[in-house]
Amino acid sequence: LLATSHIQITTVSLVKFYCLCFLLVSINLYYLIKILKKDVGYKKYAISSFFYILSATFGFVFVFFEYLLLFILNKSKKKLVKPFLITFLSILFFTIFPP
């Protein structure tokens, strides 16, 4: 009965989406904290930001504010330019040429 119930299918599909989104935002925040404490992990942060933006439509706003926070609080701003460009150019590429 649960396999054919429309309410069950809708609920499970919504829960799966938010579980993935929560996992990716957790990974993203982990690397953000790692960057703020130790000043390492820029490439991993860029990759996690990329996947978080692809998984959620509102992810772009959060990642933008995270990068803004990093630009304000981080001492080495030159190290942030490359991950910033990797994240947003890859999003632009996948927006123009979807898989």
PDB file of N, CA and C in Angstrom:
ATOM      1  N   LEU A   1       0.815  -1.203   0.000  1.00  0.00           N
ATOM      2  CA  LEU A   1       0.000   0.000   0.000  1.00  0.00           C
ATOM      3  C   LEU A   1       0.859   1.268   0.000  1.00  0.00           C
ATOM      4  N   LEU A   2       1.920   1.264   0.771  1.00  0.00           N
ATOM      5  CA  LEU A   2       2.764   2.460   0.825  1.00  0.00           C
ATOM      6  C   LEU A   2       3.491   2.716  -0.491  1.00  0.00           C
ATOM      7  N   ALA A   3       3.798   1.657  -1.221  1.00  0.00           N
ATOM      8  CA  ALA A   3       4.517   1.830  -2.485  1.00  0.00           C
ATOM      9  C   ALA A   3       3.654   2.502  -3.543  1.00  0.00           C
ATOM     10  N   THR A   4       2.352   2.393  -3.431  1.00  0.00           N
ATOM     11  CA  THR A   4       1.464   2.989  -4.439  1.00  0.00           C
ATOM     12  C   THR A   4       0.754   4.235  -3.933  1.00  0.00           C
ATOM     13  N   SER A   5       0.939   4.597  -2.683  1.00  0.00           N
ATOM     14  CA  SER A   5       0.268   5.763  -2.116  1.00  0.00           C
ATOM     15  C   SER A   5       0.921   7.051  -2.627  1.00  0.00           C
ATOM     16  N   HIS A   6       0.105   7.926  -3.167  1.00  0.00           N
ATOM     17  CA  HIS A   6       0.607   9.187  -3.716  1.00  0.00           C
ATOM     18  C   HIS A   6       1.198  10.069  -2.605  1.00  0.00           C
ATOM     19  N   ILE A   7       0.567  10.087  -1.462  1.00  0.00           N
ATOM     20  CA  ILE A   7       1.076  10.897  -0.344  1.00  0.00           C
ATOM     21  C   ILE A   7       2.435  10.386   0.114  1.00  0.00           C
ATOM     22  N   GLN A   8       2.582   9.076   0.186  1.00  0.00           N
ATOM     23  CA  GLN A   8       3.857   8.488   0.613  1.00  0.00           C
ATOM     24  C   GLN A   8       4.963   8.786  -0.391  1.00  0.00           C
ATOM     25  N   ILE A   9       4.662   8.671  -1.673  1.00  0.00           N
ATOM     26  CA  ILE A   9       5.662   8.937  -2.716  1.00  0.00           C
ATOM     27  C   ILE A   9       6.093  10.401  -2.678  1.00  0.00           C
ATOM     28  N   THR A  10       5.140  11.314  -2.516  1.00  0.00           N
ATOM     29  CA  THR A  10       5.455  12.739  -2.451  1.00  0.00           C
ATOM     30  C   THR A  10       6.291  13.061  -1.218  1.00  0.00           C
ATOM     31  N   THR A  11       5.916  12.503  -0.092  1.00  0.00           N
ATOM     32  CA  THR A  11       6.652  12.752   1.147  1.00  0.00           C
ATOM     33  C   THR A  11       8.083  12.233   1.062  1.00  0.00           C
ATOM     34  N   VAL A  12       8.252  11.037   0.550  1.00  0.00           N
ATOM     35  CA  VAL A  12       9.586  10.451   0.447  1.00  0.00           C
ATOM     36  C   VAL A  12      10.452  11.237  -0.525  1.00  0.00           C
ATOM     37  N   SER A  13       9.885  11.692  -1.632  1.00  0.00           N
ATOM     38  CA  SER A  13      10.691  12.466  -2.582  1.00  0.00           C
ATOM     39  C   SER A  13      11.104  13.807  -1.989  1.00  0.00           C
ATOM     40  N   LEU A  14      10.253  14.428  -1.191  1.00  0.00           N
ATOM     41  CA  LEU A  14      10.624  15.686  -0.545  1.00  0.00           C
ATOM     42  C   LEU A  14      11.687  15.469   0.522  1.00  0.00           C
ATOM     43  N   VAL A  15      11.556  14.412   1.282  1.00  0.00           N
ATOM     44  CA  VAL A  15      12.532  14.131   2.340  1.00  0.00           C
ATOM     45  C   VAL A  15      13.896  13.822   1.736  1.00  0.00           C
ATOM     46  N   LYS A  16      13.928  13.058   0.649  1.00  0.00           N
ATOM     47  CA  LYS A  16      15.206  12.737   0.023  1.00  0.00           C
ATOM     48  C   LYS A  16      15.908  13.994  -0.471  1.00  0.00           C
ATOM     49  N   PHE A  17      15.156  14.920  -1.054  1.00  0.00           N
ATOM     50  CA  PHE A  17      15.753  16.153  -1.545  1.00  0.00           C
ATOM     51  C   PHE A  17      16.375  16.944  -0.400  1.00  0.00           C
ATOM     52  N   TYR A  18      15.654  17.104   0.681  1.00  0.00           N
ATOM     53  CA  TYR A  18      16.179  17.898   1.777  1.00  0.00           C
ATOM     54  C   TYR A  18      17.295  17.189   2.522  1.00  0.00           C
ATOM     55  N   CYS A  19      17.301  15.870   2.526  1.00  0.00           N
ATOM     56  CA  CYS A  19      18.423  15.153   3.143  1.00  0.00           C
ATOM     57  C   CYS A  19      19.705  15.417   2.362  1.00  0.00           C
ATOM     58  N   LEU A  20      19.631  15.376   1.046  1.00  0.00           N
ATOM     59  CA  LEU A  20      20.801  15.671   0.223  1.00  0.00           C
ATOM     60  C   LEU A  20      21.238  17.114   0.420  1.00  0.00           C
ATOM     61  N   CYS A  21      20.289  18.010   0.455  1.00  0.00           N
ATOM     62  CA  CYS A  21      20.603  19.420   0.636  1.00  0.00           C
ATOM     63  C   CYS A  21      21.257  19.649   2.004  1.00  0.00           C
ATOM     64  N   PHE A  22      20.735  19.015   3.047  1.00  0.00           N
ATOM     65  CA  PHE A  22      21.314  19.148   4.382  1.00  0.00           C
ATOM     66  C   PHE A  22      22.724  18.575   4.431  1.00  0.00           C
ATOM     67  N   LEU A  23      22.934  17.440   3.776  1.00  0.00           N
ATOM     68  CA  LEU A  23      24.271  16.850   3.740  1.00  0.00           C
ATOM     69  C   LEU A  23      25.262  17.788   3.048  1.00  0.00           C
ATOM     70  N   LEU A  24      24.869  18.333   1.914  1.00  0.00           N
ATOM     71  CA  LEU A  24      25.779  19.208   1.171  1.00  0.00           C
ATOM     72  C   LEU A  24      26.041  20.527   1.886  1.00  0.00           C
ATOM     73  N   VAL A  25      25.030  21.085   2.536  1.00  0.00           N
ATOM     74  CA  VAL A  25      25.266  22.327   3.277  1.00  0.00           C
ATOM     75  C   VAL A  25      26.132  22.047   4.504  1.00  0.00           C
ATOM     76  N   SER A  26      26.017  20.867   5.090  1.00  0.00           N
ATOM     77  CA  SER A  26      26.878  20.511   6.223  1.00  0.00           C
ATOM     78  C   SER A  26      28.334  20.399   5.781  1.00  0.00           C
ATOM     79  N   ILE A  27      28.567  19.759   4.649  1.00  0.00           N
ATOM     80  CA  ILE A  27      29.926  19.647   4.114  1.00  0.00           C
ATOM     81  C   ILE A  27      30.473  21.026   3.762  1.00  0.00           C
ATOM     82  N   ASN A  28      29.623  21.841   3.170  1.00  0.00           N
ATOM     83  CA  ASN A  28      30.018  23.190   2.784  1.00  0.00           C
ATOM     84  C   ASN A  28      30.394  24.023   4.007  1.00  0.00           C
ATOM     85  N   LEU A  29      29.591  23.962   5.055  1.00  0.00           N
ATOM     86  CA  LEU A  29      29.896  24.714   6.275  1.00  0.00           C
ATOM     87  C   LEU A  29      31.126  24.162   6.993  1.00  0.00           C
ATOM     88  N   TYR A  30      31.341  22.853   6.902  1.00  0.00           N
ATOM     89  CA  TYR A  30      32.546  22.262   7.495  1.00  0.00           C
ATOM     90  C   TYR A  30      33.804  22.852   6.860  1.00  0.00           C
ATOM     91  N   TYR A  31      33.826  22.923   5.523  1.00  0.00           N
ATOM     92  CA  TYR A  31      35.003  23.487   4.857  1.00  0.00           C
ATOM     93  C   TYR A  31      35.098  24.995   5.066  1.00  0.00           C
ATOM     94  N   LEU A  32      33.974  25.660   5.229  1.00  0.00           N
ATOM     95  CA  LEU A  32      34.010  27.091   5.541  1.00  0.00           C
ATOM     96  C   LEU A  32      34.667  27.328   6.898  1.00  0.00           C
ATOM     97  N   ILE A  33      34.280  26.547   7.885  1.00  0.00           N
ATOM     98  CA  ILE A  33      34.885  26.677   9.214  1.00  0.00           C
ATOM     99  C   ILE A  33      36.362  26.298   9.177  1.00  0.00           C
ATOM    100  N   LYS A  34      36.691  25.274   8.389  1.00  0.00           N
ATOM    101  CA  LYS A  34      38.088  24.858   8.265  1.00  0.00           C
ATOM    102  C   LYS A  34      38.938  25.972   7.645  1.00  0.00           C
ATOM    103  N   ILE A  35      38.385  26.657   6.661  1.00  0.00           N
ATOM    104  CA  ILE A  35      39.108  27.776   6.044  1.00  0.00           C
ATOM    105  C   ILE A  35      39.290  28.909   7.049  1.00  0.00           C
ATOM    106  N   LEU A  36      38.240  29.224   7.791  1.00  0.00           N
ATOM    107  CA  LEU A  36      38.333  30.336   8.743  1.00  0.00           C
ATOM    108  C   LEU A  36      39.300  30.040   9.882  1.00  0.00           C
ATOM    109  N   LYS A  37      39.405  28.775  10.299  1.00  0.00           N
ATOM    110  CA  LYS A  37      40.309  28.436  11.406  1.00  0.00           C
ATOM    111  C   LYS A  37      41.745  28.228  10.954  1.00  0.00           C
ATOM    112  N   LYS A  38      41.943  27.430   9.889  1.00  0.00           N
ATOM    113  CA  LYS A  38      43.299  27.028   9.510  1.00  0.00           C
ATOM    114  C   LYS A  38      43.791  27.627   8.203  1.00  0.00           C
ATOM    115  N   ASP A  39      42.905  28.269   7.467  1.00  0.00           N
ATOM    116  CA  ASP A  39      43.275  28.878   6.192  1.00  0.00           C
ATOM    117  C   ASP A  39      43.703  27.837   5.158  1.00  0.00           C
ATOM    118  N   VAL A  40      43.018  26.681   5.132  1.00  0.00           N
ATOM    119  CA  VAL A  40      43.285  25.629   4.151  1.00  0.00           C
ATOM    120  C   VAL A  40      41.948  25.082   3.631  1.00  0.00           C
ATOM    121  N   GLY A  41      42.025  24.326   2.537  1.00  0.00           N
ATOM    122  CA  GLY A  41      40.853  23.635   2.008  1.00  0.00           C
ATOM    123  C   GLY A  41      40.019  24.442   1.033  1.00  0.00           C
ATOM    124  N   TYR A  42      40.654  25.315   0.265  1.00  0.00           N
ATOM    125  CA  TYR A  42      39.907  26.170  -0.650  1.00  0.00           C
ATOM    126  C   TYR A  42      39.288  25.396  -1.811  1.00  0.00           C
ATOM    127  N   LYS A  43      40.031  24.449  -2.361  1.00  0.00           N
ATOM    128  CA  LYS A  43      39.509  23.686  -3.502  1.00  0.00           C
ATOM    129  C   LYS A  43      38.348  22.789  -3.085  1.00  0.00           C
ATOM    130  N   LYS A  44      38.461  22.175  -1.917  1.00  0.00           N
ATOM    131  CA  LYS A  44      37.367  21.335  -1.429  1.00  0.00           C
ATOM    132  C   LYS A  44      36.131  22.183  -1.130  1.00  0.00           C
ATOM    133  N   TYR A  45      36.352  23.385  -0.638  1.00  0.00           N
ATOM    134  CA  TYR A  45      35.227  24.286  -0.399  1.00  0.00           C
ATOM    135  C   TYR A  45      34.556  24.681  -1.708  1.00  0.00           C
ATOM    136  N   ALA A  46      35.347  24.939  -2.731  1.00  0.00           N
ATOM    137  CA  ALA A  46      34.779  25.304  -4.036  1.00  0.00           C
ATOM    138  C   ALA A  46      33.961  24.156  -4.613  1.00  0.00           C
ATOM    139  N   ILE A  47      34.447  22.943  -4.486  1.00  0.00           N
ATOM    140  CA  ILE A  47      33.722  21.782  -5.005  1.00  0.00           C
ATOM    141  C   ILE A  47      32.442  21.549  -4.219  1.00  0.00           C
ATOM    142  N   SER A  48      32.509  21.657  -2.896  1.00  0.00           N
ATOM    143  CA  SER A  48      31.296  21.468  -2.100  1.00  0.00           C
ATOM    144  C   SER A  48      30.282  22.581  -2.366  1.00  0.00           C
ATOM    145  N   SER A  49      30.755  23.789  -2.596  1.00  0.00           N
ATOM    146  CA  SER A  49      29.851  24.892  -2.940  1.00  0.00           C
ATOM    147  C   SER A  49      29.174  24.647  -4.272  1.00  0.00           C
ATOM    148  N   PHE A  50      29.927  24.145  -5.218  1.00  0.00           N
ATOM    149  CA  PHE A  50      29.377  23.838  -6.533  1.00  0.00           C
ATOM    150  C   PHE A  50      28.244  22.820  -6.437  1.00  0.00           C
ATOM    151  N   PHE A  51      28.476  21.725  -5.709  1.00  0.00           N
ATOM    152  CA  PHE A  51      27.438  20.702  -5.596  1.00  0.00           C
ATOM    153  C   PHE A  51      26.247  21.181  -4.777  1.00  0.00           C
ATOM    154  N   TYR A  52      26.494  22.030  -3.794  1.00  0.00           N
ATOM    155  CA  TYR A  52      25.384  22.568  -3.010  1.00  0.00           C
ATOM    156  C   TYR A  52      24.512  23.479  -3.861  1.00  0.00           C
ATOM    157  N   ILE A  53      25.129  24.291  -4.696  1.00  0.00           N
ATOM    158  CA  ILE A  53      24.351  25.166  -5.577  1.00  0.00           C
ATOM    159  C   ILE A  53      23.554  24.344  -6.582  1.00  0.00           C
ATOM    160  N   LEU A  54      24.138  23.270  -7.094  1.00  0.00           N
ATOM    161  CA  LEU A  54      23.408  22.430  -8.041  1.00  0.00           C
ATOM    162  C   LEU A  54      22.259  21.679  -7.389  1.00  0.00           C
ATOM    163  N   SER A  55      22.350  21.397  -6.099  1.00  0.00           N
ATOM    164  CA  SER A  55      21.303  20.610  -5.451  1.00  0.00           C
ATOM    165  C   SER A  55      20.127  21.452  -4.977  1.00  0.00           C
ATOM    166  N   ALA A  56      20.330  22.724  -4.743  1.00  0.00           N
ATOM    167  CA  ALA A  56      19.258  23.563  -4.210  1.00  0.00           C
ATOM    168  C   ALA A  56      19.202  24.882  -4.962  1.00  0.00           C
ATOM    169  N   THR A  57      17.992  25.330  -5.234  1.00  0.00           N
ATOM    170  CA  THR A  57      17.844  26.595  -5.949  1.00  0.00           C
ATOM    171  C   THR A  57      18.238  27.781  -5.077  1.00  0.00           C
ATOM    172  N   PHE A  58      18.067  27.666  -3.765  1.00  0.00           N
ATOM    173  CA  PHE A  58      18.438  28.743  -2.856  1.00  0.00           C
ATOM    174  C   PHE A  58      19.897  28.653  -2.428  1.00  0.00           C
ATOM    175  N   GLY A  59      20.613  27.641  -2.884  1.00  0.00           N
ATOM    176  CA  GLY A  59      22.004  27.462  -2.501  1.00  0.00           C
ATOM    177  C   GLY A  59      22.908  28.564  -3.008  1.00  0.00           C
ATOM    178  N   PHE A  60      22.571  29.144  -4.140  1.00  0.00           N
ATOM    179  CA  PHE A  60      23.386  30.214  -4.710  1.00  0.00           C
ATOM    180  C   PHE A  60      23.485  31.396  -3.755  1.00  0.00           C
ATOM    181  N   VAL A  61      22.387  31.738  -3.112  1.00  0.00           N
ATOM    182  CA  VAL A  61      22.363  32.881  -2.192  1.00  0.00           C
ATOM    183  C   VAL A  61      23.239  32.604  -0.976  1.00  0.00           C
ATOM    184  N   PHE A  62      23.125  31.402  -0.404  1.00  0.00           N
ATOM    185  CA  PHE A  62      23.927  31.070   0.770  1.00  0.00           C
ATOM    186  C   PHE A  62      25.415  31.033   0.444  1.00  0.00           C
ATOM    187  N   VAL A  63      25.757  30.444  -0.681  1.00  0.00           N
ATOM    188  CA  VAL A  63      27.173  30.368  -1.054  1.00  0.00           C
ATOM    189  C   VAL A  63      27.722  31.759  -1.351  1.00  0.00           C
ATOM    190  N   PHE A  64      26.930  32.608  -1.966  1.00  0.00           N
ATOM    191  CA  PHE A  64      27.372  33.979  -2.220  1.00  0.00           C
ATOM    192  C   PHE A  64      27.688  34.697  -0.904  1.00  0.00           C
ATOM    193  N   PHE A  65      26.811  34.554   0.091  1.00  0.00           N
ATOM    194  CA  PHE A  65      27.063  35.200   1.379  1.00  0.00           C
ATOM    195  C   PHE A  65      28.226  34.555   2.128  1.00  0.00           C
ATOM    196  N   GLU A  66      28.437  33.254   1.931  1.00  0.00           N
ATOM    197  CA  GLU A  66      29.605  32.614   2.544  1.00  0.00           C
ATOM    198  C   GLU A  66      30.896  33.163   1.948  1.00  0.00           C
ATOM    199  N   TYR A  67      30.937  33.314   0.623  1.00  0.00           N
ATOM    200  CA  TYR A  67      32.126  33.894  -0.007  1.00  0.00           C
ATOM    201  C   TYR A  67      32.309  35.352   0.437  1.00  0.00           C
ATOM    202  N   LEU A  68      31.229  36.076   0.578  1.00  0.00           N
ATOM    203  CA  LEU A  68      31.325  37.447   1.063  1.00  0.00           C
ATOM    204  C   LEU A  68      31.896  37.477   2.481  1.00  0.00           C
ATOM    205  N   LEU A  69      31.443  36.562   3.321  1.00  0.00           N
ATOM    206  CA  LEU A  69      31.984  36.439   4.670  1.00  0.00           C
ATOM    207  C   LEU A  69      33.468  36.090   4.642  1.00  0.00           C
ATOM    208  N   LEU A  70      33.852  35.189   3.739  1.00  0.00           N
ATOM    209  CA  LEU A  70      35.267  34.832   3.631  1.00  0.00           C
ATOM    210  C   LEU A  70      36.117  36.009   3.164  1.00  0.00           C
ATOM    211  N   PHE A  71      35.597  36.783   2.223  1.00  0.00           N
ATOM    212  CA  PHE A  71      36.353  37.944   1.760  1.00  0.00           C
ATOM    213  C   PHE A  71      36.531  38.971   2.872  1.00  0.00           C
ATOM    214  N   ILE A  72      35.537  39.082   3.739  1.00  0.00           N
ATOM    215  CA  ILE A  72      35.630  40.060   4.828  1.00  0.00           C
ATOM    216  C   ILE A  72      36.561  39.568   5.941  1.00  0.00           C
ATOM    217  N   LEU A  73      36.419  38.290   6.338  1.00  0.00           N
ATOM    218  CA  LEU A  73      37.136  37.792   7.509  1.00  0.00           C
ATOM    219  C   LEU A  73      38.503  37.175   7.219  1.00  0.00           C
ATOM    220  N   ASN A  74      38.753  36.781   6.002  1.00  0.00           N
ATOM    221  CA  ASN A  74      39.971  36.041   5.700  1.00  0.00           C
ATOM    222  C   ASN A  74      41.125  36.994   5.405  1.00  0.00           C
ATOM    223  N   LYS A  75      42.300  36.595   5.830  1.00  0.00           N
ATOM    224  CA  LYS A  75      43.491  37.418   5.621  1.00  0.00           C
ATOM    225  C   LYS A  75      44.036  37.286   4.203  1.00  0.00           C
ATOM    226  N   SER A  76      44.040  36.079   3.676  1.00  0.00           N
ATOM    227  CA  SER A  76      44.618  35.853   2.348  1.00  0.00           C
ATOM    228  C   SER A  76      43.519  35.840   1.292  1.00  0.00           C
ATOM    229  N   LYS A  77      43.209  37.011   0.782  1.00  0.00           N
ATOM    230  CA  LYS A  77      42.135  37.149  -0.192  1.00  0.00           C
ATOM    231  C   LYS A  77      42.515  36.621  -1.572  1.00  0.00           C
ATOM    232  N   LYS A  78      43.811  36.560  -1.869  1.00  0.00           N
ATOM    233  CA  LYS A  78      44.251  36.053  -3.167  1.00  0.00           C
ATOM    234  C   LYS A  78      43.931  34.569  -3.322  1.00  0.00           C
ATOM    235  N   LYS A  79      43.966  33.830  -2.214  1.00  0.00           N
ATOM    236  CA  LYS A  79      43.648  32.405  -2.276  1.00  0.00           C
ATOM    237  C   LYS A  79      42.163  32.157  -2.533  1.00  0.00           C
ATOM    238  N   LEU A  80      41.318  33.138  -2.277  1.00  0.00           N
ATOM    239  CA  LEU A  80      39.881  32.967  -2.453  1.00  0.00           C
ATOM    240  C   LEU A  80      39.410  33.205  -3.879  1.00  0.00           C
ATOM    241  N   VAL A  81      40.193  33.880  -4.673  1.00  0.00           N
ATOM    242  CA  VAL A  81      39.746  34.234  -6.020  1.00  0.00           C
ATOM    243  C   VAL A  81      39.566  32.994  -6.887  1.00  0.00           C
ATOM    244  N   LYS A  82      40.512  32.078  -6.840  1.00  0.00           N
ATOM    245  CA  LYS A  82      40.428  30.880  -7.675  1.00  0.00           C
ATOM    246  C   LYS A  82      39.227  29.991  -7.318  1.00  0.00           C
ATOM    247  N   PRO A  83      38.988  29.641  -6.030  1.00  0.00           N
ATOM    248  CA  PRO A  83      37.790  28.852  -5.718  1.00  0.00           C
ATOM    249  C   PRO A  83      36.496  29.576  -6.058  1.00  0.00           C
ATOM    250  N   PHE A  84      36.482  30.900  -5.865  1.00  0.00           N
ATOM    251  CA  PHE A  84      35.309  31.688  -6.217  1.00  0.00           C
ATOM    252  C   PHE A  84      35.010  31.574  -7.703  1.00  0.00           C
ATOM    253  N   LEU A  85      36.033  31.717  -8.514  1.00  0.00           N
ATOM    254  CA  LEU A  85      35.844  31.610  -9.964  1.00  0.00           C
ATOM    255  C   LEU A  85      35.482  30.195 -10.397  1.00  0.00           C
ATOM    256  N   ILE A  86      36.095  29.192  -9.764  1.00  0.00           N
ATOM    257  CA  ILE A  86      35.764  27.797 -10.086  1.00  0.00           C
ATOM    258  C   ILE A  86      34.290  27.527  -9.819  1.00  0.00           C
ATOM    259  N   THR A  87      33.814  27.955  -8.674  1.00  0.00           N
ATOM    260  CA  THR A  87      32.416  27.705  -8.307  1.00  0.00           C
ATOM    261  C   THR A  87      31.460  28.398  -9.248  1.00  0.00           C
ATOM    262  N   PHE A  88      31.608  29.684  -9.438  1.00  0.00           N
ATOM    263  CA  PHE A  88      30.613  30.426 -10.182  1.00  0.00           C
ATOM    264  C   PHE A  88      30.733  30.264 -11.696  1.00  0.00           C
ATOM    265  N   LEU A  89      31.920  30.017 -12.217  1.00  0.00           N
ATOM    266  CA  LEU A  89      32.025  29.742 -13.645  1.00  0.00           C
ATOM    267  C   LEU A  89      31.484  28.359 -13.985  1.00  0.00           C
ATOM    268  N   SER A  90      31.659  27.404 -13.098  1.00  0.00           N
ATOM    269  CA  SER A  90      31.090  26.078 -13.350  1.00  0.00           C
ATOM    270  C   SER A  90      29.570  26.125 -13.284  1.00  0.00           C
ATOM    271  N   ILE A  91      29.016  26.924 -12.374  1.00  0.00           N
ATOM    272  CA  ILE A  91      27.561  27.082 -12.323  1.00  0.00           C
ATOM    273  C   ILE A  91      27.067  27.762 -13.594  1.00  0.00           C
ATOM    274  N   LEU A  92      27.788  28.759 -14.051  1.00  0.00           N
ATOM    275  CA  LEU A  92      27.417  29.432 -15.292  1.00  0.00           C
ATOM    276  C   LEU A  92      27.470  28.468 -16.463  1.00  0.00           C
ATOM    277  N   PHE A  93      28.495  27.623 -16.511  1.00  0.00           N
ATOM    278  CA  PHE A  93      28.620  26.649 -17.588  1.00  0.00           C
ATOM    279  C   PHE A  93      27.450  25.670 -17.581  1.00  0.00           C
ATOM    280  N   PHE A  94      27.100  25.138 -16.398  1.00  0.00           N
ATOM    281  CA  PHE A  94      26.001  24.178 -16.325  1.00  0.00           C
ATOM    282  C   PHE A  94      24.646  24.827 -16.488  1.00  0.00           C
ATOM    283  N   THR A  95      24.561  26.142 -16.295  1.00  0.00           N
ATOM    284  CA  THR A  95      23.317  26.841 -16.585  1.00  0.00           C
ATOM    285  C   THR A  95      23.123  26.993 -18.080  1.00  0.00           C
ATOM    286  N   ILE A  96      24.198  27.296 -18.777  1.00  0.00           N
ATOM    287  CA  ILE A  96      24.107  27.457 -20.232  1.00  0.00           C
ATOM    288  C   ILE A  96      24.008  26.109 -20.936  1.00  0.00           C
ATOM    289  N   PHE A  97      24.838  25.144 -20.514  1.00  0.00           N
ATOM    290  CA  PHE A  97      24.856  23.807 -21.119  1.00  0.00           C
ATOM    291  C   PHE A  97      24.457  22.764 -20.078  1.00  0.00           C
ATOM    292  N   PRO A  98      23.160  22.566 -19.859  1.00  0.00           N
ATOM    293  CA  PRO A  98      22.771  21.577 -18.840  1.00  0.00           C
ATOM    294  C   PRO A  98      23.128  20.158 -19.274  1.00  0.00           C
ATOM    295  N   PRO A  99      23.437  19.294 -18.286  1.00  0.00           N
ATOM    296  CA  PRO A  99      23.834  17.920 -18.631  1.00  0.00           C
ATOM    297  C   PRO A  99      22.682  17.098 -19.176  1.00  0.00           C
TER     298      PRO A  99
END
